[in-house]
Amino acid sequence: MVFDDGRRALMFYDRADADTASQVVELDDDEGDWVAELLHSRSLADRLAVVERRLAELTGKCS
């Protein structure tokens, strides 16, 4: 989970109570990126490349 303030956490739920997290593990930025890559999310490098391309489009510096 990514909170509104940018904190990241893994949340584990008990089968007996699927509405309440039984454990919460806070992650720092590097850990969050590592877990995202493990879950087959786009890597930080891919996300940065998208941001750089979009910025180039917005500033008219596309190649």
PDB file of N, CA and C in Angstrom:
ATOM      1  N   MET A   1       0.837  -1.158   0.000  1.00  0.00           N
ATOM      2  CA  MET A   1       0.000   0.000   0.000  1.00  0.00           C
ATOM      3  C   MET A   1       0.885   1.224   0.000  1.00  0.00           C
ATOM      4  N   VAL A   2       0.473   2.237  -0.762  1.00  0.00           N
ATOM      5  CA  VAL A   2       1.143   3.529  -0.733  1.00  0.00           C
ATOM      6  C   VAL A   2       0.158   4.512  -0.104  1.00  0.00           C
ATOM      7  N   PHE A   3       0.568   5.120   1.002  1.00  0.00           N
ATOM      8  CA  PHE A   3      -0.284   6.070   1.709  1.00  0.00           C
ATOM      9  C   PHE A   3      -0.229   7.437   1.041  1.00  0.00           C
ATOM     10  N   ASP A   4      -1.183   8.301   1.357  1.00  0.00           N
ATOM     11  CA  ASP A   4      -1.234   9.647   0.785  1.00  0.00           C
ATOM     12  C   ASP A   4       0.035  10.448   1.036  1.00  0.00           C
ATOM     13  N   ASP A   5       0.699  10.199   2.155  1.00  0.00           N
ATOM     14  CA  ASP A   5       1.916  10.949   2.475  1.00  0.00           C
ATOM     15  C   ASP A   5       3.176  10.327   1.875  1.00  0.00           C
ATOM     16  N   GLY A   6       3.010   9.262   1.044  1.00  0.00           N
ATOM     17  CA  GLY A   6       4.134   8.646   0.355  1.00  0.00           C
ATOM     18  C   GLY A   6       4.732   7.429   1.046  1.00  0.00           C
ATOM     19  N   ARG A   7       4.335   7.178   2.300  1.00  0.00           N
ATOM     20  CA  ARG A   7       4.841   5.987   2.984  1.00  0.00           C
ATOM     21  C   ARG A   7       4.355   4.745   2.261  1.00  0.00           C
ATOM     22  N   ARG A   8       5.138   3.690   2.344  1.00  0.00           N
ATOM     23  CA  ARG A   8       4.779   2.425   1.706  1.00  0.00           C
ATOM     24  C   ARG A   8       4.776   1.327   2.748  1.00  0.00           C
ATOM     25  N   ALA A   9       3.894   0.362   2.568  1.00  0.00           N
ATOM     26  CA  ALA A   9       3.815  -0.734   3.535  1.00  0.00           C
ATOM     27  C   ALA A   9       3.261  -1.977   2.860  1.00  0.00           C
ATOM     28  N   LEU A  10       3.698  -3.112   3.380  1.00  0.00           N
ATOM     29  CA  LEU A  10       3.091  -4.389   3.032  1.00  0.00           C
ATOM     30  C   LEU A  10       2.087  -4.691   4.135  1.00  0.00           C
ATOM     31  N   MET A  11       0.909  -5.108   3.748  1.00  0.00           N
ATOM     32  CA  MET A  11      -0.117  -5.412   4.737  1.00  0.00           C
ATOM     33  C   MET A  11      -0.540  -6.858   4.565  1.00  0.00           C
ATOM     34  N   PHE A  12      -0.618  -7.562   5.681  1.00  0.00           N
ATOM     35  CA  PHE A  12      -0.999  -8.969   5.674  1.00  0.00           C
ATOM     36  C   PHE A  12      -2.328  -9.117   6.394  1.00  0.00           C
ATOM     37  N   TYR A  13      -3.188  -9.926   5.803  1.00  0.00           N
ATOM     38  CA  TYR A  13      -4.536 -10.110   6.345  1.00  0.00           C
ATOM     39  C   TYR A  13      -4.742 -11.554   6.762  1.00  0.00           C
ATOM     40  N   ASP A  14      -5.459 -11.732   7.837  1.00  0.00           N
ATOM     41  CA  ASP A  14      -5.804 -13.045   8.358  1.00  0.00           C
ATOM     42  C   ASP A  14      -7.035 -13.557   7.607  1.00  0.00           C
ATOM     43  N   ARG A  15      -7.051 -14.821   7.288  1.00  0.00           N
ATOM     44  CA  ARG A  15      -8.203 -15.401   6.592  1.00  0.00           C
ATOM     45  C   ARG A  15      -9.486 -15.256   7.404  1.00  0.00           C
ATOM     46  N   ALA A  16      -9.369 -15.252   8.717  1.00  0.00           N
ATOM     47  CA  ALA A  16     -10.542 -15.153   9.578  1.00  0.00           C
ATOM     48  C   ALA A  16     -11.145 -13.745   9.571  1.00  0.00           C
ATOM     49  N   ASP A  17     -10.322 -12.726   9.280  1.00  0.00           N
ATOM     50  CA  ASP A  17     -10.805 -11.341   9.265  1.00  0.00           C
ATOM     51  C   ASP A  17     -10.131 -10.608   8.111  1.00  0.00           C
ATOM     52  N   ALA A  18     -10.722 -10.718   6.947  1.00  0.00           N
ATOM     53  CA  ALA A  18     -10.126 -10.152   5.735  1.00  0.00           C
ATOM     54  C   ALA A  18     -10.228  -8.628   5.664  1.00  0.00           C
ATOM     55  N   ASP A  19     -10.901  -8.008   6.609  1.00  0.00           N
ATOM     56  CA  ASP A  19     -11.064  -6.557   6.594  1.00  0.00           C
ATOM     57  C   ASP A  19     -10.042  -5.816   7.455  1.00  0.00           C
ATOM     58  N   THR A  20      -9.288  -6.544   8.264  1.00  0.00           N
ATOM     59  CA  THR A  20      -8.345  -5.909   9.180  1.00  0.00           C
ATOM     60  C   THR A  20      -6.961  -6.510   8.976  1.00  0.00           C
ATOM     61  N   ALA A  21      -5.981  -5.624   8.753  1.00  0.00           N
ATOM     62  CA  ALA A  21      -4.604  -6.104   8.578  1.00  0.00           C
ATOM     63  C   ALA A  21      -4.098  -6.693   9.885  1.00  0.00           C
ATOM     64  N   SER A  22      -3.571  -7.903   9.821  1.00  0.00           N
ATOM     65  CA  SER A  22      -3.025  -8.529  11.023  1.00  0.00           C
ATOM     66  C   SER A  22      -1.583  -8.100  11.256  1.00  0.00           C
ATOM     67  N   GLN A  23      -0.883  -7.706  10.183  1.00  0.00           N
ATOM     68  CA  GLN A  23       0.486  -7.203  10.289  1.00  0.00           C
ATOM     69  C   GLN A  23       0.699  -6.136   9.235  1.00  0.00           C
ATOM     70  N   VAL A  24       1.482  -5.139   9.581  1.00  0.00           N
ATOM     71  CA  VAL A  24       1.852  -4.074   8.651  1.00  0.00           C
ATOM     72  C   VAL A  24       3.361  -3.910   8.731  1.00  0.00           C
ATOM     73  N   VAL A  25       4.025  -3.992   7.578  1.00  0.00           N
ATOM     74  CA  VAL A  25       5.478  -3.826   7.520  1.00  0.00           C
ATOM     75  C   VAL A  25       5.761  -2.555   6.720  1.00  0.00           C
ATOM     76  N   GLU A  26       6.287  -1.536   7.404  1.00  0.00           N
ATOM     77  CA  GLU A  26       6.631  -0.277   6.741  1.00  0.00           C
ATOM     78  C   GLU A  26       7.872  -0.492   5.869  1.00  0.00           C
ATOM     79  N   LEU A  27       7.886   0.122   4.684  1.00  0.00           N
ATOM     80  CA  LEU A  27       9.005  -0.008   3.752  1.00  0.00           C
ATOM     81  C   LEU A  27       9.601   1.362   3.470  1.00  0.00           C
ATOM     82  N   ASP A  28      10.937   1.413   3.293  1.00  0.00           N
ATOM     83  CA  ASP A  28      11.528   2.663   2.829  1.00  0.00           C
ATOM     84  C   ASP A  28      11.402   2.695   1.302  1.00  0.00           C
ATOM     85  N   ASP A  29      11.823   3.777   0.665  1.00  0.00           N
ATOM     86  CA  ASP A  29      11.645   3.918  -0.782  1.00  0.00           C
ATOM     87  C   ASP A  29      12.311   2.799  -1.571  1.00  0.00           C
ATOM     88  N   ASP A  30      13.549   2.455  -1.206  1.00  0.00           N
ATOM     89  CA  ASP A  30      14.264   1.394  -1.924  1.00  0.00           C
ATOM     90  C   ASP A  30      13.551   0.054  -1.767  1.00  0.00           C
ATOM     91  N   GLU A  31      13.108  -0.243  -0.563  1.00  0.00           N
ATOM     92  CA  GLU A  31      12.384  -1.496  -0.338  1.00  0.00           C
ATOM     93  C   GLU A  31      11.088  -1.526  -1.125  1.00  0.00           C
ATOM     94  N   GLY A  32      10.392  -0.400  -1.176  1.00  0.00           N
ATOM     95  CA  GLY A  32       9.150  -0.324  -1.942  1.00  0.00           C
ATOM     96  C   GLY A  32       9.386  -0.574  -3.420  1.00  0.00           C
ATOM     97  N   ASP A  33      10.458   0.014  -3.961  1.00  0.00           N
ATOM     98  CA  ASP A  33      10.790  -0.203  -5.376  1.00  0.00           C
ATOM     99  C   ASP A  33      11.168  -1.660  -5.619  1.00  0.00           C
ATOM    100  N   TRP A  34      11.905  -2.252  -4.700  1.00  0.00           N
ATOM    101  CA  TRP A  34      12.325  -3.645  -4.837  1.00  0.00           C
ATOM    102  C   TRP A  34      11.106  -4.567  -4.844  1.00  0.00           C
ATOM    103  N   VAL A  35      10.178  -4.342  -3.920  1.00  0.00           N
ATOM    104  CA  VAL A  35       8.966  -5.168  -3.867  1.00  0.00           C
ATOM    105  C   VAL A  35       8.142  -4.978  -5.141  1.00  0.00           C
ATOM    106  N   ALA A  36       8.035  -3.748  -5.629  1.00  0.00           N
ATOM    107  CA  ALA A  36       7.288  -3.486  -6.863  1.00  0.00           C
ATOM    108  C   ALA A  36       7.900  -4.262  -8.029  1.00  0.00           C
ATOM    109  N   GLU A  37       9.226  -4.290  -8.108  1.00  0.00           N
ATOM    110  CA  GLU A  37       9.876  -5.042  -9.181  1.00  0.00           C
ATOM    111  C   GLU A  37       9.615  -6.537  -9.037  1.00  0.00           C
ATOM    112  N   LEU A  38       9.629  -7.029  -7.805  1.00  0.00           N
ATOM    113  CA  LEU A  38       9.331  -8.441  -7.579  1.00  0.00           C
ATOM    114  C   LEU A  38       7.912  -8.797  -8.014  1.00  0.00           C
ATOM    115  N   LEU A  39       7.019  -7.850  -7.867  1.00  0.00           N
ATOM    116  CA  LEU A  39       5.617  -8.077  -8.237  1.00  0.00           C
ATOM    117  C   LEU A  39       5.363  -7.749  -9.707  1.00  0.00           C
ATOM    118  N   HIS A  40       6.427  -7.573 -10.454  1.00  0.00           N
ATOM    119  CA  HIS A  40       6.368  -7.321 -11.893  1.00  0.00           C
ATOM    120  C   HIS A  40       5.764  -5.975 -12.241  1.00  0.00           C
ATOM    121  N   SER A  41       5.952  -5.032 -11.374  1.00  0.00           N
ATOM    122  CA  SER A  41       5.569  -3.672 -11.681  1.00  0.00           C
ATOM    123  C   SER A  41       6.677  -3.086 -12.559  1.00  0.00           C
ATOM    124  N   ARG A  42       6.412  -1.964 -13.163  1.00  0.00           N
ATOM    125  CA  ARG A  42       7.474  -1.338 -13.943  1.00  0.00           C
ATOM    126  C   ARG A  42       8.576  -0.891 -13.005  1.00  0.00           C
ATOM    127  N   SER A  43       9.798  -1.046 -13.436  1.00  0.00           N
ATOM    128  CA  SER A  43      10.942  -0.679 -12.612  1.00  0.00           C
ATOM    129  C   SER A  43      11.045   0.837 -12.486  1.00  0.00           C
ATOM    130  N   LEU A  44      11.822   1.265 -11.518  1.00  0.00           N
ATOM    131  CA  LEU A  44      12.044   2.694 -11.316  1.00  0.00           C
ATOM    132  C   LEU A  44      12.646   3.319 -12.574  1.00  0.00           C
ATOM    133  N   ALA A  45      13.569   2.636 -13.222  1.00  0.00           N
ATOM    134  CA  ALA A  45      14.192   3.161 -14.440  1.00  0.00           C
ATOM    135  C   ALA A  45      13.149   3.354 -15.545  1.00  0.00           C
ATOM    136  N   ASP A  46      12.225   2.401 -15.682  1.00  0.00           N
ATOM    137  CA  ASP A  46      11.162   2.537 -16.689  1.00  0.00           C
ATOM    138  C   ASP A  46      10.241   3.698 -16.369  1.00  0.00           C
ATOM    139  N   ARG A  47       9.886   3.845 -15.094  1.00  0.00           N
ATOM    140  CA  ARG A  47       9.006   4.947 -14.701  1.00  0.00           C
ATOM    141  C   ARG A  47       9.690   6.284 -14.926  1.00  0.00           C
ATOM    142  N   LEU A  48      10.985   6.369 -14.624  1.00  0.00           N
ATOM    143  CA  LEU A  48      11.736   7.601 -14.830  1.00  0.00           C
ATOM    144  C   LEU A  48      11.810   7.936 -16.318  1.00  0.00           C
ATOM    145  N   ALA A  49      12.008   6.941 -17.160  1.00  0.00           N
ATOM    146  CA  ALA A  49      12.065   7.166 -18.612  1.00  0.00           C
ATOM    147  C   ALA A  49      10.745   7.738 -19.118  1.00  0.00           C
ATOM    148  N   VAL A  50       9.629   7.243 -18.593  1.00  0.00           N
ATOM    149  CA  VAL A  50       8.312   7.762 -18.995  1.00  0.00           C
ATOM    150  C   VAL A  50       8.173   9.222 -18.582  1.00  0.00           C
ATOM    151  N   VAL A  51       8.592   9.546 -17.378  1.00  0.00           N
ATOM    152  CA  VAL A  51       8.522  10.929 -16.894  1.00  0.00           C
ATOM    153  C   VAL A  51       9.404  11.829 -17.746  1.00  0.00           C
ATOM    154  N   GLU A  52      10.607  11.360 -18.070  1.00  0.00           N
ATOM    155  CA  GLU A  52      11.518  12.162 -18.897  1.00  0.00           C
ATOM    156  C   GLU A  52      10.940  12.397 -20.293  1.00  0.00           C
ATOM    157  N   ARG A  53      10.339  11.358 -20.896  1.00  0.00           N
ATOM    158  CA  ARG A  53       9.712  11.528 -22.217  1.00  0.00           C
ATOM    159  C   ARG A  53       8.562  12.525 -22.152  1.00  0.00           C
ATOM    160  N   ARG A  54       7.740  12.409 -21.115  1.00  0.00           N
ATOM    161  CA  ARG A  54       6.592  13.309 -20.979  1.00  0.00           C
ATOM    162  C   ARG A  54       7.053  14.742 -20.786  1.00  0.00           C
ATOM    163  N   LEU A  55       8.112  14.939 -19.972  1.00  0.00           N
ATOM    164  CA  LEU A  55       8.660  16.271 -19.761  1.00  0.00           C
ATOM    165  C   LEU A  55       9.192  16.847 -21.068  1.00  0.00           C
ATOM    166  N   ALA A  56       9.869  16.025 -21.853  1.00  0.00           N
ATOM    167  CA  ALA A  56      10.368  16.476 -23.153  1.00  0.00           C
ATOM    168  C   ALA A  56       9.213  16.879 -24.063  1.00  0.00           C
ATOM    169  N   GLU A  57       8.128  16.123 -24.047  1.00  0.00           N
ATOM    170  CA  GLU A  57       6.947  16.464 -24.855  1.00  0.00           C
ATOM    171  C   GLU A  57       6.375  17.808 -24.405  1.00  0.00           C
ATOM    172  N   LEU A  58       6.272  18.007 -23.104  1.00  0.00           N
ATOM    173  CA  LEU A  58       5.676  19.234 -22.574  1.00  0.00           C
ATOM    174  C   LEU A  58       6.539  20.465 -22.834  1.00  0.00           C
ATOM    175  N   THR A  59       7.848  20.283 -22.863  1.00  0.00           N
ATOM    176  CA  THR A  59       8.752  21.422 -23.077  1.00  0.00           C
ATOM    177  C   THR A  59       9.128  21.607 -24.543  1.00  0.00           C
ATOM    178  N   GLY A  60       8.624  20.696 -25.417  1.00  0.00           N
ATOM    179  CA  GLY A  60       8.931  20.804 -26.841  1.00  0.00           C
ATOM    180  C   GLY A  60      10.319  20.363 -27.210  1.00  0.00           C
ATOM    181  N   LYS A  61      10.968  19.593 -26.376  1.00  0.00           N
ATOM    182  CA  LYS A  61      12.338  19.130 -26.626  1.00  0.00           C
ATOM    183  C   LYS A  61      12.364  17.675 -27.053  1.00  0.00           C
ATOM    184  N   CYS A  62      11.338  17.260 -27.772  1.00  0.00           N
ATOM    185  CA  CYS A  62      11.287  15.862 -28.247  1.00  0.00           C
ATOM    186  C   CYS A  62      12.276  15.688 -29.385  1.00  0.00           C
ATOM    187  N   SER A  63      12.842  14.490 -29.447  1.00  0.00           N
ATOM    188  CA  SER A  63      13.786  14.223 -30.549  1.00  0.00           C
ATOM    189  C   SER A  63      13.112  13.411 -31.623  1.00  0.00           C
TER     190      SER A  63
END
